[in-house]
Protein backbone atom coordinates (compact mmCIF):
# COMPACT_ATOMS: atom_id res chain seq x y z
CA MET A 1 -44.33 -102.30 -192.04
CA TYR A 2 -45.77 -104.68 -189.40
CA TYR A 3 -43.44 -106.66 -187.63
CA ARG A 4 -44.15 -110.11 -186.41
CA MET A 5 -41.16 -110.99 -184.08
CA LEU A 6 -39.11 -109.27 -181.60
CA ALA A 7 -35.62 -110.43 -181.09
CA LEU A 8 -33.55 -109.51 -177.99
CA ASN A 9 -29.82 -109.85 -177.08
CA ILE A 10 -29.23 -110.29 -173.11
CA ASP A 11 -26.12 -108.82 -171.94
CA GLY A 12 -25.55 -105.15 -172.60
CA THR A 13 -28.94 -105.00 -174.17
CA ILE A 14 -32.04 -105.83 -171.73
CA LEU A 15 -29.84 -106.10 -168.84
CA ARG A 16 -28.19 -102.87 -167.36
CA SER A 17 -24.51 -102.82 -166.27
CA ASN A 18 -25.27 -104.07 -162.92
CA GLY A 19 -26.93 -107.10 -164.28
CA ARG A 20 -30.42 -106.17 -163.57
CA LEU A 21 -33.31 -105.91 -166.03
CA GLN A 22 -34.05 -102.56 -167.25
CA LYS A 23 -37.03 -100.60 -165.57
CA GLY A 24 -40.38 -101.06 -167.58
CA LEU A 25 -38.92 -103.92 -169.52
CA LYS A 26 -41.48 -106.50 -168.27
CA GLU A 27 -44.46 -104.10 -169.00
CA ALA A 28 -42.99 -103.46 -172.42
CA ILE A 29 -42.65 -107.19 -173.13
CA ASP A 30 -46.36 -107.92 -172.04
CA PHE A 31 -47.35 -104.89 -174.23
CA VAL A 32 -46.02 -106.49 -177.39
CA LYS A 33 -47.16 -109.99 -176.57
CA ARG A 34 -50.73 -108.70 -176.31
CA ARG A 35 -50.21 -107.45 -179.97
CA GLY A 36 -49.44 -110.93 -181.15
CA VAL A 37 -45.92 -110.39 -181.77
CA TYR A 38 -43.40 -113.42 -181.17
CA ILE A 39 -40.75 -112.63 -178.64
CA THR A 40 -37.37 -114.37 -178.46
CA LEU A 41 -33.95 -113.95 -176.88
CA VAL A 42 -30.87 -114.21 -179.02
CA THR A 43 -27.64 -114.74 -176.67
CA ASN A 44 -24.28 -116.18 -176.51
CA ARG A 45 -25.43 -117.34 -173.01
CA ASN A 46 -25.93 -121.18 -172.43
CA PHE A 47 -29.49 -122.30 -172.53
CA PRO A 48 -30.21 -122.54 -168.84
CA SER A 49 -28.97 -119.05 -168.14
CA ALA A 50 -31.11 -117.60 -170.98
CA LYS A 51 -34.17 -119.61 -169.88
CA LYS A 52 -33.85 -118.19 -166.53
CA VAL A 53 -34.00 -114.66 -168.04
CA ALA A 54 -37.05 -115.55 -170.13
CA LYS A 55 -38.89 -116.92 -167.21
CA ALA A 56 -38.36 -113.58 -165.36
CA LEU A 57 -39.80 -111.64 -168.35
CA LYS A 58 -42.69 -114.46 -168.98
CA ILE A 59 -41.11 -115.27 -172.35
CA ASP A 60 -42.20 -118.80 -173.13
CA GLY A 61 -41.33 -119.27 -176.89
CA LEU A 62 -38.08 -120.64 -178.51
CA LEU A 63 -34.86 -119.25 -177.56
CA VAL A 64 -31.69 -118.62 -179.64
CA THR A 65 -28.74 -119.60 -177.16
CA HIS A 66 -25.17 -120.62 -177.29
CA GLY A 67 -24.40 -117.97 -179.98
CA GLY A 68 -27.03 -119.58 -182.30
CA GLY A 69 -25.98 -123.10 -181.92
CA PHE A 70 -28.82 -124.37 -179.51
CA ILE A 71 -32.33 -123.30 -180.09
CA ALA A 72 -35.21 -124.65 -177.80
CA THR A 73 -37.91 -124.05 -175.45
CA SER A 74 -36.64 -126.82 -173.18
CA VAL A 75 -33.37 -128.46 -172.89
CA ASP A 76 -34.70 -131.84 -173.72
CA ALA A 77 -36.48 -130.86 -177.06
CA PRO A 78 -34.21 -128.48 -179.30
CA ILE A 79 -35.10 -127.67 -182.74
CA ILE A 80 -31.59 -126.86 -183.54
CA ASP A 81 -28.60 -128.51 -181.92
CA ASN A 82 -25.25 -127.65 -183.60
CA ARG A 83 -22.30 -128.60 -181.74
CA ILE A 84 -18.49 -129.06 -182.03
CA PRO A 85 -17.81 -132.92 -182.38
CA GLU A 86 -16.04 -134.73 -179.58
CA GLU A 87 -12.79 -135.14 -181.22
CA LYS A 88 -12.42 -131.72 -182.43
CA THR A 89 -13.45 -130.33 -178.81
CA PHE A 90 -10.58 -132.50 -177.43
CA ASN A 91 -8.12 -131.20 -180.20
CA ILE A 92 -9.15 -127.59 -179.54
CA VAL A 93 -8.69 -128.05 -175.71
CA GLN A 94 -5.13 -129.71 -176.40
CA VAL A 95 -4.00 -126.51 -178.13
CA LEU A 96 -5.62 -124.15 -175.70
CA GLU A 97 -3.97 -125.76 -172.86
CA ASN A 98 -0.63 -124.38 -174.14
CA PHE A 99 -1.69 -120.87 -173.41
CA ASP A 100 -2.43 -118.96 -170.32
CA CYS A 101 -6.40 -119.13 -170.32
CA ASN A 102 -9.50 -120.40 -168.51
CA ILE A 103 -11.43 -122.75 -170.86
CA ARG A 104 -15.18 -123.52 -170.34
CA LEU A 105 -16.96 -126.03 -172.33
CA LEU A 106 -20.59 -124.95 -172.18
CA HIS A 107 -22.81 -127.89 -172.60
CA GLU A 108 -26.57 -127.34 -172.74
CA ARG A 109 -26.88 -129.00 -169.18
CA TYR A 110 -23.40 -128.10 -167.37
CA SER A 111 -20.10 -126.35 -167.80
CA LEU A 112 -16.81 -127.94 -167.56
CA GLY A 113 -13.55 -125.89 -167.23
CA ASN A 114 -9.92 -126.08 -166.34
CA ARG A 115 -8.84 -125.05 -163.00
CA VAL A 116 -6.50 -121.87 -163.90
CA HIS A 117 -6.10 -119.11 -161.43
CA LEU A 118 -6.57 -115.91 -163.26
CA GLN A 119 -4.85 -112.90 -161.54
CA ASN A 120 -7.31 -110.26 -163.23
CA ASN A 121 -10.31 -110.13 -160.92
CA MET A 122 -12.64 -108.78 -163.55
CA VAL A 123 -11.73 -111.53 -165.88
CA ALA A 124 -12.11 -114.13 -163.04
CA ARG A 125 -15.61 -112.78 -162.08
CA ALA A 126 -16.65 -113.06 -165.85
CA VAL A 127 -15.94 -116.71 -166.02
CA PHE A 128 -19.03 -117.12 -163.58
CA VAL A 129 -21.36 -114.46 -165.02
CA THR A 130 -23.28 -116.68 -167.32
CA GLY A 131 -23.67 -119.73 -165.09
CA ASP A 132 -25.39 -120.29 -161.66
CA PRO A 133 -24.21 -123.29 -159.83
CA LEU A 134 -27.90 -123.65 -158.45
CA PHE A 135 -29.48 -124.62 -161.78
CA TYR A 136 -26.35 -124.92 -164.00
CA PRO A 137 -23.63 -127.19 -162.52
CA MET A 138 -20.10 -125.86 -163.15
CA GLN A 139 -17.32 -128.38 -162.63
CA PHE A 140 -13.45 -127.37 -162.83
CA VAL A 141 -10.90 -130.03 -163.37
CA GLU A 142 -6.92 -129.75 -163.05
CA SER A 143 -6.41 -131.05 -166.66
CA LEU A 144 -9.41 -130.27 -169.09
CA GLY A 145 -7.55 -132.60 -171.74
CA ASP A 146 -7.16 -135.64 -169.40
CA SER A 147 -11.04 -135.34 -168.51
CA LEU A 148 -11.94 -135.31 -172.26
CA ARG A 149 -9.73 -138.35 -173.00
CA ASP A 150 -11.64 -140.25 -170.37
CA PHE A 151 -15.14 -138.59 -170.89
CA PRO A 152 -15.60 -137.10 -174.41
CA VAL A 153 -17.82 -134.14 -174.75
CA SER A 154 -19.46 -132.48 -177.67
CA THR A 155 -20.23 -128.92 -176.94
CA PRO A 156 -22.38 -126.29 -178.57
CA LYS A 157 -19.86 -123.68 -177.43
CA ILE A 158 -16.46 -123.15 -176.00
CA ASP A 159 -15.65 -119.89 -174.08
CA VAL A 160 -12.03 -119.01 -173.33
CA TYR A 161 -10.86 -116.21 -170.95
CA PHE A 162 -7.35 -114.49 -171.09
CA GLU A 163 -5.64 -111.95 -169.02
CA LYS A 164 -3.71 -110.51 -171.90
CA HIS A 165 -4.97 -109.33 -175.23
CA GLU A 166 -1.62 -110.47 -176.89
CA GLU A 167 -2.35 -113.94 -175.55
CA LEU A 168 -5.91 -113.97 -176.92
CA GLU A 169 -4.70 -112.96 -180.40
CA ARG A 170 -1.99 -115.62 -180.56
CA ALA A 171 -4.26 -118.37 -179.51
CA GLN A 172 -6.92 -117.25 -182.10
CA THR A 173 -4.42 -117.02 -184.84
CA THR A 174 -3.12 -120.59 -183.88
CA LEU A 175 -6.74 -121.84 -183.73
CA GLU A 176 -7.68 -120.33 -187.17
CA HIS A 177 -4.66 -122.11 -188.77
CA ALA A 178 -5.02 -125.44 -187.09
CA PHE A 179 -9.02 -126.10 -187.36
CA GLU A 180 -11.40 -125.89 -190.27
CA GLY A 181 -15.27 -125.81 -189.52
CA VAL A 182 -15.07 -123.51 -186.42
CA HIS A 183 -16.11 -119.97 -185.92
CA LEU A 184 -13.92 -117.73 -183.74
CA TYR A 185 -15.00 -114.36 -182.39
CA SER A 186 -14.40 -111.87 -179.46
CA ASP A 187 -17.35 -110.07 -178.21
CA ALA A 188 -15.97 -108.95 -174.98
CA PRO A 189 -12.30 -107.72 -174.10
CA LEU A 190 -10.16 -110.70 -173.13
CA LYS A 191 -12.58 -113.34 -174.17
CA LEU A 192 -12.78 -115.65 -177.08
CA GLU A 193 -15.92 -117.51 -178.28
CA ILE A 194 -15.83 -120.71 -180.36
CA VAL A 195 -18.62 -122.37 -182.05
CA SER A 196 -19.18 -124.51 -185.11
CA LYS A 197 -18.45 -122.47 -188.46
CA GLN A 198 -22.04 -122.53 -189.57
CA VAL A 199 -23.21 -121.11 -186.05
CA SER A 200 -24.02 -117.28 -185.45
CA LYS A 201 -26.74 -115.42 -183.89
CA ARG A 202 -27.89 -114.24 -187.34
CA ASP A 203 -28.11 -117.75 -188.74
CA GLY A 204 -29.73 -119.00 -185.67
CA LEU A 205 -32.42 -116.47 -185.61
CA LYS A 206 -32.94 -117.01 -189.57
CA LEU A 207 -33.53 -120.69 -188.70
CA LEU A 208 -35.85 -119.78 -186.08
CA GLY A 209 -37.69 -117.54 -188.54
CA GLN A 210 -37.98 -120.19 -191.14
CA TYR A 211 -39.29 -122.75 -188.39
CA LEU A 212 -42.07 -120.13 -187.34
CA GLY A 213 -42.51 -118.86 -190.89
CA ILE A 214 -41.34 -115.46 -190.10
CA ASP A 215 -38.86 -113.68 -192.70
CA PHE A 216 -36.17 -111.37 -191.44
CA SER A 217 -37.77 -108.46 -192.91
CA GLU A 218 -40.60 -109.06 -190.32
CA MET A 219 -38.47 -108.91 -187.42
CA VAL A 220 -37.45 -106.23 -184.90
CA VAL A 221 -33.81 -107.07 -183.62
CA ILE A 222 -32.23 -105.19 -180.79
CA GLY A 223 -28.64 -105.69 -179.80
CA ASP A 224 -25.31 -104.18 -178.68
CA SER A 225 -22.45 -106.36 -179.56
CA ILE A 226 -20.39 -107.27 -182.58
CA SER A 227 -22.04 -110.65 -182.65
CA ASP A 228 -25.35 -108.85 -183.06
CA LEU A 229 -24.22 -106.90 -186.08
CA GLU A 230 -25.13 -109.15 -188.89
CA MET A 231 -28.71 -109.68 -187.50
CA ILE A 232 -29.38 -106.02 -186.87
CA ARG A 233 -28.27 -105.19 -190.35
CA GLU A 234 -30.49 -107.69 -191.96
CA ALA A 235 -33.67 -107.30 -189.79
CA GLY A 236 -36.50 -105.52 -191.03
CA LEU A 237 -35.81 -102.97 -188.22
CA GLY A 238 -32.31 -103.23 -186.64
CA VAL A 239 -31.74 -101.51 -183.44
CA ALA A 240 -28.51 -100.72 -181.82
CA MET A 241 -28.17 -99.87 -178.12
CA GLY A 242 -26.65 -96.52 -177.18
CA ASN A 243 -23.88 -98.41 -175.45
CA ALA A 244 -23.14 -100.58 -178.79
CA PRO A 245 -19.81 -100.03 -180.62
CA ILE A 246 -19.80 -97.59 -183.60
CA GLU A 247 -19.69 -100.44 -186.08
CA VAL A 248 -23.07 -101.95 -184.71
CA LYS A 249 -24.58 -98.31 -184.73
CA GLN A 250 -23.68 -97.96 -188.31
CA ALA A 251 -25.37 -101.13 -189.26
CA ALA A 252 -28.65 -100.22 -187.60
CA ASP A 253 -31.85 -98.44 -188.81
CA TRP A 254 -32.38 -97.07 -185.15
CA ILE A 255 -30.14 -96.20 -182.18
CA THR A 256 -31.90 -96.26 -178.77
CA ARG A 257 -30.75 -95.24 -175.50
CA LYS A 258 -28.12 -96.96 -173.63
CA ASN A 259 -28.90 -100.13 -171.30
CA ASP A 260 -28.38 -97.99 -168.17
CA GLN A 261 -31.10 -95.54 -169.51
CA ASN A 262 -33.93 -98.23 -170.20
CA GLY A 263 -33.16 -98.12 -174.06
CA VAL A 264 -34.95 -101.35 -174.73
CA PRO A 265 -38.41 -100.41 -173.30
CA TYR A 266 -37.99 -97.01 -174.58
CA MET A 267 -37.64 -98.22 -178.09
CA ILE A 268 -40.36 -101.05 -177.75
CA MET A 269 -43.11 -98.53 -176.53
CA SER A 270 -41.92 -95.80 -178.95
CA HIS A 271 -42.39 -98.28 -182.00
CA PHE A 272 -45.13 -100.92 -181.14
CA ARG A 273 -47.80 -98.61 -179.74
CA LYS A 274 -48.01 -97.34 -183.50
CA GLN A 275 -48.57 -101.02 -184.73
CA LEU A 276 -52.04 -102.73 -184.65
CA SER A 277 -51.89 -106.01 -183.18
CA ILE A 278 -51.52 -109.25 -185.26
CA THR A 279 -54.91 -110.43 -184.56
CA HIS A 280 -56.45 -107.16 -185.91
CA LEU A 281 -54.55 -107.57 -189.18
CA ASN A 282 -55.71 -111.21 -189.57
CA ASN A 283 -59.34 -110.14 -189.25
CA LYS A 284 -59.18 -107.53 -191.90
């Protein structure tokens, strides 16, 4: 089987646990590009953050961001822009403000959050992991509900951080009963992520494939998290990182090394060195 696309998750996949790119990854990406394979990133991160990673890797194609809700090469020209409407965003925030949590609305140009002090330092740091104020403005307000009443926002994604798992479960149950048309999932401890009902990494990647004329069977997908599971299962070659949960590994065709063991470049070079270039195939 010849694969025409390589789709990579970011956190826990191409990044090591210290947040740095894996050794040999840039060379592996360049190796695959020379074979005519389309490369994309599929991530829960906001678009500017994903674009920054793509630039470091010299990936210039469309990126699947905001958990599948925003697909673009530039922030001004998305091919998919699937967001939670203004009124529903406001109502979700109104409910969440009854819980002890930090709420972040991840717009494609900025983030807006409530000013809640989190005692758990690891959770507090996570609030800032996927944003860089130098290129992605982050604003915090005393009352997010009041701010949205005056300045409504329609957002591709809402991230919610908790200090206690019990509080997260209680909030998730409340939201699931109160709202239709939203998809709630938890990819990391103490973090709840909210997107539109029809949004997921799998569906976003499928839409990108349709746009480019590439079938799921022609894709290699590498990921490590629960939100990667569906696209790993349906890909022509689904690859789980060695640090992935057992459910993700069970869905995969291939399990590579952990992210701290340079598992992505290892897998790419192991597989794609056996595949002829797309240009060669087209000339046959």
